[in-house]
Amino acid sequence: MLFYLVLKVMSPFRWPKVEHDLALVKEYTESRPSKPDEWDKVAKRLSVVFHSEVKGRGCREHLDLLIKKHKANEKKALKR
């Protein structure tokens, strides 16, 4: 049982739902974090909402990925 709890705490958050992405974007637009400690504050707020541990770096990297995907979709739409 203890091993399961340790493993669960150590596993990274996977952003399984669109609602998680929207919550991340909302938190970002409200606080506009730029420093690692500011991203950690965003992660703490999201951890409470998601009932799972989220890291500041993970938030920043996932937001970067969302922006990259959005830009790629925009370029495809403009080519049509």
N, C-alpha and C. Protein backbone atom coordinates (compact mmCIF):
# COMPACT_ATOMS: atom_id res chain seq x y z
N MET A 1 0.83 -1.20 0.00
CA MET A 1 0.00 0.00 0.00
C MET A 1 0.87 1.26 0.00
N LEU A 2 1.91 1.28 0.80
CA LEU A 2 2.79 2.44 0.86
C LEU A 2 3.47 2.67 -0.49
N PHE A 3 3.89 1.59 -1.13
CA PHE A 3 4.51 1.71 -2.45
C PHE A 3 3.56 2.36 -3.45
N TYR A 4 2.30 2.00 -3.41
CA TYR A 4 1.30 2.58 -4.30
C TYR A 4 1.17 4.07 -4.07
N LEU A 5 1.15 4.48 -2.82
CA LEU A 5 1.01 5.90 -2.50
C LEU A 5 2.22 6.69 -2.97
N VAL A 6 3.41 6.15 -2.79
CA VAL A 6 4.63 6.82 -3.23
C VAL A 6 4.64 6.91 -4.75
N LEU A 7 4.29 5.85 -5.42
CA LEU A 7 4.26 5.84 -6.88
C LEU A 7 3.23 6.84 -7.40
N LYS A 8 2.08 6.92 -6.78
CA LYS A 8 1.03 7.84 -7.23
C LYS A 8 1.48 9.29 -7.07
N VAL A 9 2.16 9.62 -6.00
CA VAL A 9 2.62 10.98 -5.77
C VAL A 9 3.71 11.35 -6.77
N MET A 10 4.53 10.39 -7.13
CA MET A 10 5.66 10.68 -8.00
C MET A 10 5.29 10.72 -9.48
N SER A 11 4.17 10.15 -9.87
CA SER A 11 3.83 10.13 -11.28
C SER A 11 3.41 11.52 -11.76
N PRO A 12 3.87 11.92 -12.94
CA PRO A 12 3.55 13.27 -13.43
C PRO A 12 2.10 13.39 -13.86
N PHE A 13 1.59 14.60 -13.79
CA PHE A 13 0.23 14.89 -14.23
C PHE A 13 0.20 14.85 -15.75
N ARG A 14 -0.81 14.22 -16.33
CA ARG A 14 -0.85 13.98 -17.78
C ARG A 14 -1.79 14.89 -18.56
N TRP A 15 -2.50 15.80 -17.93
CA TRP A 15 -3.44 16.70 -18.60
C TRP A 15 -4.47 15.92 -19.41
N PRO A 16 -5.27 15.07 -18.73
CA PRO A 16 -6.17 14.16 -19.45
C PRO A 16 -7.43 14.77 -20.05
N LYS A 17 -7.83 15.95 -19.61
CA LYS A 17 -9.11 16.51 -20.08
C LYS A 17 -8.93 17.92 -20.63
N VAL A 18 -9.83 18.28 -21.52
CA VAL A 18 -9.83 19.63 -22.08
C VAL A 18 -10.07 20.66 -20.97
N GLU A 19 -10.85 20.28 -19.97
CA GLU A 19 -11.12 21.20 -18.85
C GLU A 19 -9.83 21.59 -18.14
N HIS A 20 -8.87 20.66 -18.08
CA HIS A 20 -7.58 20.97 -17.46
C HIS A 20 -6.82 22.01 -18.29
N ASP A 21 -6.87 21.84 -19.61
CA ASP A 21 -6.21 22.82 -20.48
C ASP A 21 -6.84 24.20 -20.31
N LEU A 22 -8.15 24.24 -20.25
CA LEU A 22 -8.84 25.53 -20.09
C LEU A 22 -8.51 26.17 -18.75
N ALA A 23 -8.44 25.37 -17.70
CA ALA A 23 -8.09 25.91 -16.38
C ALA A 23 -6.67 26.47 -16.40
N LEU A 24 -5.75 25.78 -17.08
CA LEU A 24 -4.37 26.27 -17.20
C LEU A 24 -4.33 27.60 -17.92
N VAL A 25 -5.03 27.69 -19.04
CA VAL A 25 -5.04 28.94 -19.81
C VAL A 25 -5.66 30.07 -18.99
N LYS A 26 -6.72 29.77 -18.26
CA LYS A 26 -7.36 30.79 -17.43
C LYS A 26 -6.41 31.29 -16.34
N GLU A 27 -5.73 30.36 -15.67
CA GLU A 27 -4.76 30.75 -14.64
C GLU A 27 -3.63 31.59 -15.25
N TYR A 28 -3.19 31.20 -16.44
CA TYR A 28 -2.12 31.93 -17.09
C TYR A 28 -2.55 33.36 -17.42
N THR A 29 -3.73 33.51 -17.98
CA THR A 29 -4.17 34.85 -18.37
C THR A 29 -4.42 35.74 -17.16
N GLU A 30 -4.77 35.14 -16.03
CA GLU A 30 -5.00 35.95 -14.84
C GLU A 30 -3.71 36.40 -14.17
N SER A 31 -2.65 35.59 -14.23
CA SER A 31 -1.45 35.94 -13.48
C SER A 31 -0.22 36.23 -14.35
N ARG A 32 -0.22 35.81 -15.62
CA ARG A 32 0.89 36.04 -16.54
C ARG A 32 2.25 35.72 -15.90
N PRO A 33 2.46 34.48 -15.47
CA PRO A 33 3.72 34.14 -14.82
C PRO A 33 4.88 34.15 -15.82
N SER A 34 6.04 34.58 -15.34
CA SER A 34 7.22 34.58 -16.20
C SER A 34 8.41 33.93 -15.51
N LYS A 35 8.42 33.94 -14.18
CA LYS A 35 9.52 33.35 -13.42
C LYS A 35 9.09 31.98 -12.88
N PRO A 36 10.07 31.12 -12.62
CA PRO A 36 9.74 29.78 -12.12
C PRO A 36 8.89 29.78 -10.84
N ASP A 37 9.16 30.69 -9.92
CA ASP A 37 8.37 30.71 -8.68
C ASP A 37 6.93 31.14 -8.94
N GLU A 38 6.72 31.96 -9.97
CA GLU A 38 5.35 32.35 -10.33
C GLU A 38 4.61 31.17 -10.95
N TRP A 39 5.31 30.36 -11.75
CA TRP A 39 4.71 29.16 -12.33
C TRP A 39 4.38 28.15 -11.23
N ASP A 40 5.22 28.11 -10.20
CA ASP A 40 4.94 27.21 -9.07
C ASP A 40 3.65 27.62 -8.36
N LYS A 41 3.40 28.91 -8.26
CA LYS A 41 2.15 29.39 -7.64
C LYS A 41 0.94 28.98 -8.48
N VAL A 42 1.07 29.08 -9.80
CA VAL A 42 0.00 28.64 -10.70
C VAL A 42 -0.24 27.15 -10.50
N ALA A 43 0.85 26.38 -10.42
CA ALA A 43 0.74 24.93 -10.23
C ALA A 43 0.06 24.58 -8.91
N LYS A 44 0.35 25.32 -7.86
CA LYS A 44 -0.30 25.05 -6.57
C LYS A 44 -1.80 25.28 -6.66
N ARG A 45 -2.21 26.36 -7.32
CA ARG A 45 -3.64 26.62 -7.46
C ARG A 45 -4.32 25.53 -8.30
N LEU A 46 -3.67 25.10 -9.37
CA LEU A 46 -4.25 24.06 -10.21
C LEU A 46 -4.26 22.71 -9.49
N SER A 47 -3.27 22.45 -8.67
CA SER A 47 -3.23 21.19 -7.91
C SER A 47 -4.45 21.05 -7.01
N VAL A 48 -4.88 22.15 -6.44
CA VAL A 48 -6.07 22.13 -5.59
C VAL A 48 -7.31 21.82 -6.43
N VAL A 49 -7.40 22.44 -7.58
CA VAL A 49 -8.56 22.24 -8.45
C VAL A 49 -8.58 20.83 -9.03
N PHE A 50 -7.42 20.31 -9.44
CA PHE A 50 -7.35 19.00 -10.09
C PHE A 50 -7.28 17.84 -9.10
N HIS A 51 -7.07 18.12 -7.84
CA HIS A 51 -6.89 17.08 -6.82
C HIS A 51 -5.73 16.15 -7.19
N SER A 52 -4.69 16.73 -7.76
CA SER A 52 -3.50 16.00 -8.17
C SER A 52 -2.33 16.97 -8.18
N GLU A 53 -1.14 16.46 -7.94
CA GLU A 53 0.02 17.35 -7.90
C GLU A 53 0.43 17.77 -9.30
N VAL A 54 0.56 19.07 -9.49
CA VAL A 54 0.99 19.64 -10.76
C VAL A 54 2.24 20.46 -10.47
N LYS A 55 3.21 20.39 -11.34
CA LYS A 55 4.46 21.14 -11.19
C LYS A 55 4.44 22.39 -12.05
N GLY A 56 5.14 23.42 -11.59
CA GLY A 56 5.21 24.66 -12.34
C GLY A 56 5.82 24.47 -13.72
N ARG A 57 6.89 23.69 -13.77
CA ARG A 57 7.52 23.44 -15.06
C ARG A 57 6.58 22.71 -16.01
N GLY A 58 5.82 21.76 -15.49
CA GLY A 58 4.86 21.03 -16.30
C GLY A 58 3.79 21.95 -16.85
N CYS A 59 3.35 22.91 -16.03
CA CYS A 59 2.36 23.88 -16.50
C CYS A 59 2.91 24.72 -17.65
N ARG A 60 4.13 25.21 -17.46
CA ARG A 60 4.75 26.05 -18.49
C ARG A 60 4.95 25.26 -19.78
N GLU A 61 5.46 24.04 -19.67
CA GLU A 61 5.70 23.23 -20.86
C GLU A 61 4.40 22.86 -21.58
N HIS A 62 3.36 22.57 -20.80
CA HIS A 62 2.09 22.21 -21.44
C HIS A 62 1.46 23.42 -22.12
N LEU A 63 1.56 24.58 -21.50
CA LEU A 63 1.03 25.78 -22.15
C LEU A 63 1.80 26.07 -23.43
N ASP A 64 3.11 25.90 -23.41
CA ASP A 64 3.91 26.09 -24.62
C ASP A 64 3.45 25.14 -25.73
N LEU A 65 3.15 23.89 -25.36
CA LEU A 65 2.67 22.91 -26.33
C LEU A 65 1.31 23.31 -26.90
N LEU A 66 0.41 23.79 -26.04
CA LEU A 66 -0.91 24.23 -26.50
C LEU A 66 -0.78 25.39 -27.49
N ILE A 67 0.11 26.32 -27.19
CA ILE A 67 0.32 27.48 -28.07
C ILE A 67 0.90 27.01 -29.41
N LYS A 68 1.86 26.09 -29.35
CA LYS A 68 2.48 25.57 -30.57
C LYS A 68 1.44 24.87 -31.45
N LYS A 69 0.58 24.06 -30.84
CA LYS A 69 -0.47 23.38 -31.61
C LYS A 69 -1.46 24.38 -32.21
N HIS A 70 -1.80 25.41 -31.44
CA HIS A 70 -2.74 26.42 -31.93
C HIS A 70 -2.15 27.15 -33.14
N LYS A 71 -0.89 27.52 -33.06
CA LYS A 71 -0.25 28.22 -34.18
C LYS A 71 -0.18 27.33 -35.42
N ALA A 72 0.09 26.05 -35.22
CA ALA A 72 0.14 25.12 -36.35
C ALA A 72 -1.24 25.01 -37.01
N ASN A 73 -2.29 24.95 -36.20
CA ASN A 73 -3.65 24.87 -36.75
C ASN A 73 -4.03 26.15 -37.48
N GLU A 74 -3.58 27.29 -36.96
CA GLU A 74 -3.86 28.57 -37.63
C GLU A 74 -3.20 28.60 -39.01
N LYS A 75 -1.97 28.14 -39.10
CA LYS A 75 -1.27 28.14 -40.38
C LYS A 75 -1.97 27.25 -41.38
N LYS A 76 -2.44 26.09 -40.93
CA LYS A 76 -3.17 25.18 -41.83
C LYS A 76 -4.44 25.83 -42.32
N ALA A 77 -5.15 26.54 -41.43
CA ALA A 77 -6.41 27.18 -41.81
C ALA A 77 -6.16 28.32 -42.80
N LEU A 78 -5.07 29.03 -42.65
CA LEU A 78 -4.77 30.14 -43.55
C LEU A 78 -4.40 29.65 -44.96
N LYS A 79 -3.83 28.45 -45.05
CA LYS A 79 -3.44 27.89 -46.35
C LYS A 79 -4.63 27.43 -47.16
N ARG A 80 -5.77 27.23 -46.55
CA ARG A 80 -6.96 26.72 -47.25
C ARG A 80 -7.57 27.77 -48.13
